[in-house]
Amino acid sequence: MSKNIYKNIDEKNKKKESKLSGRLYSVMDGSFLTKSRIIELLPFFFYLMALALLLIFNSYYAEKKMREKEELRKELTELRIRYINTKSELMYITNQSEIANKLKDKGLTESTVPPRVIEKPKKQRSFLLNILERSFRQTD
């Protein structure tokens, strides 16, 4: 009769599992640190630890920046709302009717006469030009 193939496969799997569990056990109890090969791997472990610390620092830094960004966004929204409110109040206060109502209490009233434009006569010149013109006329 031939050998049982399944039995051989099961034996190989058990050997692999026992090696894996043995290595895992040596890592858990710390006995892997006593081996001489670990000294050769120390720089690599330090490199991995430095990378892990760098990744942790980077994630904390990114979270901090996101919180700051959110706070600034909220502050910007609040300032925009205050700007719009202040602008609308200013527009309301500077209406002609609103100014007239406030000045009525102080005894001032609106003028019913429209303003007139005062124009400077065209022939009238500045004092200096008049003096220069006279001096040229006298010399002729």
C-alpha atoms as a PDB file:
ATOM      1  CA  MET A   1       0.000   0.000   0.000  1.00  0.00           C
ATOM      2  CA  SER A   2       1.149   3.571  -0.722  1.00  0.00           C
ATOM      3  CA  LYS A   3       1.835   6.236   1.823  1.00  0.00           C
ATOM      4  CA  ASN A   4      -0.825   8.645   2.892  1.00  0.00           C
ATOM      5  CA  ILE A   5      -0.100  11.956   1.180  1.00  0.00           C
ATOM      6  CA  TYR A   6      -2.351  13.983   3.439  1.00  0.00           C
ATOM      7  CA  LYS A   7      -0.461  12.813   6.482  1.00  0.00           C
ATOM      8  CA  ASN A   8       2.820  14.118   5.086  1.00  0.00           C
ATOM      9  CA  ILE A   9       1.289  17.528   4.302  1.00  0.00           C
ATOM     10  CA  ASP A  10      -0.117  17.720   7.816  1.00  0.00           C
ATOM     11  CA  GLU A  11       3.302  16.945   9.299  1.00  0.00           C
ATOM     12  CA  LYS A  12       4.914  19.730   7.234  1.00  0.00           C
ATOM     13  CA  ASN A  13       2.244  22.202   8.357  1.00  0.00           C
ATOM     14  CA  LYS A  14       2.803  21.233  11.994  1.00  0.00           C
ATOM     15  CA  LYS A  15       6.549  21.830  11.634  1.00  0.00           C
ATOM     16  CA  LYS A  16       5.928  25.277  10.123  1.00  0.00           C
ATOM     17  CA  GLU A  17       3.431  26.118  12.840  1.00  0.00           C
ATOM     18  CA  SER A  18       5.810  24.961  15.545  1.00  0.00           C
ATOM     19  CA  LYS A  19       8.631  27.116  14.095  1.00  0.00           C
ATOM     20  CA  LEU A  20       6.327  30.110  13.870  1.00  0.00           C
ATOM     21  CA  SER A  21       4.953  29.620  17.362  1.00  0.00           C
ATOM     22  CA  GLY A  22       8.474  29.100  18.694  1.00  0.00           C
ATOM     23  CA  ARG A  23       9.647  32.367  17.145  1.00  0.00           C
ATOM     24  CA  LEU A  24       6.577  34.191  18.370  1.00  0.00           C
ATOM     25  CA  TYR A  25       7.122  32.758  21.851  1.00  0.00           C
ATOM     26  CA  SER A  26      10.786  33.857  21.844  1.00  0.00           C
ATOM     27  CA  VAL A  27       9.722  37.392  20.847  1.00  0.00           C
ATOM     28  CA  MET A  28       7.072  37.498  23.576  1.00  0.00           C
ATOM     29  CA  ASP A  29       9.324  36.319  26.397  1.00  0.00           C
ATOM     30  CA  GLY A  30      12.339  38.349  25.181  1.00  0.00           C
ATOM     31  CA  SER A  31      14.686  35.392  24.675  1.00  0.00           C
ATOM     32  CA  PHE A  32      15.367  36.481  21.073  1.00  0.00           C
ATOM     33  CA  LEU A  33      17.377  39.406  22.481  1.00  0.00           C
ATOM     34  CA  THR A  34      20.016  37.042  23.880  1.00  0.00           C
ATOM     35  CA  LYS A  35      20.995  35.692  20.482  1.00  0.00           C
ATOM     36  CA  SER A  36      24.113  37.093  18.796  1.00  0.00           C
ATOM     37  CA  ARG A  37      22.339  37.886  15.510  1.00  0.00           C
ATOM     38  CA  ILE A  38      20.201  40.528  17.194  1.00  0.00           C
ATOM     39  CA  ILE A  39      23.260  42.737  17.680  1.00  0.00           C
ATOM     40  CA  GLU A  40      23.720  42.859  13.929  1.00  0.00           C
ATOM     41  CA  LEU A  41      20.088  43.904  13.509  1.00  0.00           C
ATOM     42  CA  LEU A  42      20.126  46.679  16.136  1.00  0.00           C
ATOM     43  CA  PRO A  43      20.739  49.516  13.615  1.00  0.00           C
ATOM     44  CA  PHE A  44      17.783  48.283  11.574  1.00  0.00           C
ATOM     45  CA  PHE A  45      15.561  48.188  14.689  1.00  0.00           C
ATOM     46  CA  PHE A  46      16.654  51.728  15.611  1.00  0.00           C
ATOM     47  CA  TYR A  47      15.831  52.824  12.071  1.00  0.00           C
ATOM     48  CA  LEU A  48      12.375  51.259  12.340  1.00  0.00           C
ATOM     49  CA  MET A  49      11.817  52.925  15.724  1.00  0.00           C
ATOM     50  CA  ALA A  50      12.863  56.298  14.313  1.00  0.00           C
ATOM     51  CA  LEU A  51      10.439  55.860  11.405  1.00  0.00           C
ATOM     52  CA  ALA A  52       7.651  54.915  13.801  1.00  0.00           C
ATOM     53  CA  LEU A  53       8.333  57.986  15.955  1.00  0.00           C
ATOM     54  CA  LEU A  54       8.417  60.163  12.859  1.00  0.00           C
ATOM     55  CA  LEU A  55       5.063  58.802  11.696  1.00  0.00           C
ATOM     56  CA  ILE A  56       3.520  59.353  15.135  1.00  0.00           C
ATOM     57  CA  PHE A  57       4.854  62.905  15.288  1.00  0.00           C
ATOM     58  CA  ASN A  58       3.608  63.595  11.764  1.00  0.00           C
ATOM     59  CA  SER A  59       0.093  62.362  12.545  1.00  0.00           C
ATOM     60  CA  TYR A  60      -0.107  64.484  15.721  1.00  0.00           C
ATOM     61  CA  TYR A  61       1.186  67.499  13.824  1.00  0.00           C
ATOM     62  CA  ALA A  62      -1.380  66.995  11.044  1.00  0.00           C
ATOM     63  CA  GLU A  63      -4.218  66.691  13.567  1.00  0.00           C
ATOM     64  CA  LYS A  64      -3.057  69.864  15.310  1.00  0.00           C
ATOM     65  CA  LYS A  65      -2.995  71.750  12.002  1.00  0.00           C
ATOM     66  CA  MET A  66      -6.475  70.485  11.119  1.00  0.00           C
ATOM     67  CA  ARG A  67      -7.810  71.739  14.477  1.00  0.00           C
ATOM     68  CA  GLU A  68      -6.179  75.128  13.921  1.00  0.00           C
ATOM     69  CA  LYS A  69      -7.628  75.266  10.411  1.00  0.00           C
ATOM     70  CA  GLU A  70     -11.109  74.501  11.740  1.00  0.00           C
ATOM     71  CA  GLU A  71     -10.802  77.204  14.422  1.00  0.00           C
ATOM     72  CA  LEU A  72      -9.663  79.752  11.830  1.00  0.00           C
ATOM     73  CA  ARG A  73     -12.538  78.790   9.541  1.00  0.00           C
ATOM     74  CA  LYS A  74     -15.033  79.344  12.370  1.00  0.00           C
ATOM     75  CA  GLU A  75     -13.420  82.674  13.249  1.00  0.00           C
ATOM     76  CA  LEU A  76     -13.515  83.755   9.605  1.00  0.00           C
ATOM     77  CA  THR A  77     -17.211  82.901   9.381  1.00  0.00           C
ATOM     78  CA  GLU A  78     -17.906  84.882  12.549  1.00  0.00           C
ATOM     79  CA  LEU A  79     -15.937  87.888  11.293  1.00  0.00           C
ATOM     80  CA  ARG A  80     -17.746  87.775   7.943  1.00  0.00           C
ATOM     81  CA  ILE A  81     -21.108  87.807   9.743  1.00  0.00           C
ATOM     82  CA  ARG A  82     -20.004  90.757  11.897  1.00  0.00           C
ATOM     83  CA  TYR A  83     -18.809  92.605   8.779  1.00  0.00           C
ATOM     84  CA  ILE A  84     -22.131  92.140   7.001  1.00  0.00           C
ATOM     85  CA  ASN A  85     -24.104  93.238  10.090  1.00  0.00           C
ATOM     86  CA  THR A  86     -21.957  96.325  10.595  1.00  0.00           C
ATOM     87  CA  LYS A  87     -22.190  97.252   6.925  1.00  0.00           C
ATOM     88  CA  SER A  88     -25.979  96.959   6.922  1.00  0.00           C
ATOM     89  CA  GLU A  89     -26.228  99.065  10.107  1.00  0.00           C
ATOM     90  CA  LEU A  90     -24.019 101.734   8.535  1.00  0.00           C
ATOM     91  CA  MET A  91     -26.156 101.797   5.404  1.00  0.00           C
ATOM     92  CA  TYR A  92     -29.301 102.197   7.533  1.00  0.00           C
ATOM     93  CA  ILE A  93     -27.829 104.945   9.721  1.00  0.00           C
ATOM     94  CA  THR A  94     -26.565 106.974   6.751  1.00  0.00           C
ATOM     95  CA  ASN A  95     -29.952 107.123   5.028  1.00  0.00           C
ATOM     96  CA  GLN A  96     -31.096 110.723   4.562  1.00  0.00           C
ATOM     97  CA  SER A  97     -34.379 110.106   6.370  1.00  0.00           C
ATOM     98  CA  GLU A  98     -32.604 108.537   9.350  1.00  0.00           C
ATOM     99  CA  ILE A  99     -30.192 111.464   9.629  1.00  0.00           C
ATOM    100  CA  ALA A 100     -33.107 113.927   9.425  1.00  0.00           C
ATOM    101  CA  ASN A 101     -34.966 112.097  12.229  1.00  0.00           C
ATOM    102  CA  LYS A 102     -31.902 112.213  14.490  1.00  0.00           C
ATOM    103  CA  LEU A 103     -31.272 115.902  13.812  1.00  0.00           C
ATOM    104  CA  LYS A 104     -34.933 116.866  14.487  1.00  0.00           C
ATOM    105  CA  ASP A 105     -34.367 116.181  18.167  1.00  0.00           C
ATOM    106  CA  LYS A 106     -31.512 118.712  18.175  1.00  0.00           C
ATOM    107  CA  GLY A 107     -33.599 121.392  16.474  1.00  0.00           C
ATOM    108  CA  LEU A 108     -32.164 121.113  12.957  1.00  0.00           C
ATOM    109  CA  THR A 109     -34.473 120.638   9.992  1.00  0.00           C
ATOM    110  CA  GLU A 110     -33.971 119.717   6.392  1.00  0.00           C
ATOM    111  CA  SER A 111     -33.592 122.518   3.911  1.00  0.00           C
ATOM    112  CA  THR A 112     -36.406 122.772   1.392  1.00  0.00           C
ATOM    113  CA  VAL A 113     -34.425 125.083  -0.904  1.00  0.00           C
ATOM    114  CA  PRO A 114     -32.230 123.222  -3.341  1.00  0.00           C
ATOM    115  CA  PRO A 115     -28.524 124.110  -3.356  1.00  0.00           C
ATOM    116  CA  ARG A 116     -27.167 126.530  -5.929  1.00  0.00           C
ATOM    117  CA  VAL A 117     -23.871 126.251  -7.773  1.00  0.00           C
ATOM    118  CA  ILE A 118     -21.612 129.256  -7.356  1.00  0.00           C
ATOM    119  CA  GLU A 119     -19.416 129.776 -10.368  1.00  0.00           C
ATOM    120  CA  LYS A 120     -16.290 131.847 -10.529  1.00  0.00           C
ATOM    121  CA  PRO A 121     -16.399 134.528 -13.220  1.00  0.00           C
ATOM    122  CA  LYS A 122     -14.176 133.695 -16.141  1.00  0.00           C
ATOM    123  CA  LYS A 123     -12.501 137.134 -16.344  1.00  0.00           C
ATOM    124  CA  GLN A 124     -11.424 137.140 -12.746  1.00  0.00           C
ATOM    125  CA  ARG A 125      -7.871 135.859 -12.425  1.00  0.00           C
ATOM    126  CA  SER A 126      -5.528 135.316  -9.608  1.00  0.00           C
ATOM    127  CA  PHE A 127      -3.785 138.227  -7.934  1.00  0.00           C
ATOM    128  CA  LEU A 128      -0.381 137.310  -9.332  1.00  0.00           C
ATOM    129  CA  LEU A 129      -1.629 137.114 -12.932  1.00  0.00           C
ATOM    130  CA  ASN A 130      -3.292 140.539 -12.599  1.00  0.00           C
ATOM    131  CA  ILE A 131      -0.041 142.135 -11.408  1.00  0.00           C
ATOM    132  CA  LEU A 132       1.940 140.519 -14.232  1.00  0.00           C
ATOM    133  CA  GLU A 133      -0.611 141.646 -16.804  1.00  0.00           C
ATOM    134  CA  ARG A 134      -0.503 145.239 -15.539  1.00  0.00           C
ATOM    135  CA  SER A 135       3.265 145.343 -15.601  1.00  0.00           C
ATOM    136  CA  PHE A 136       3.350 144.181 -19.220  1.00  0.00           C
ATOM    137  CA  ARG A 137       0.763 146.804 -20.239  1.00  0.00           C
ATOM    138  CA  GLN A 138       2.752 149.621 -18.684  1.00  0.00           C
ATOM    139  CA  THR A 139       5.941 148.670 -20.520  1.00  0.00           C
ATOM    140  CA  ASP A 140       4.219 148.753 -23.933  1.00  0.00           C
END
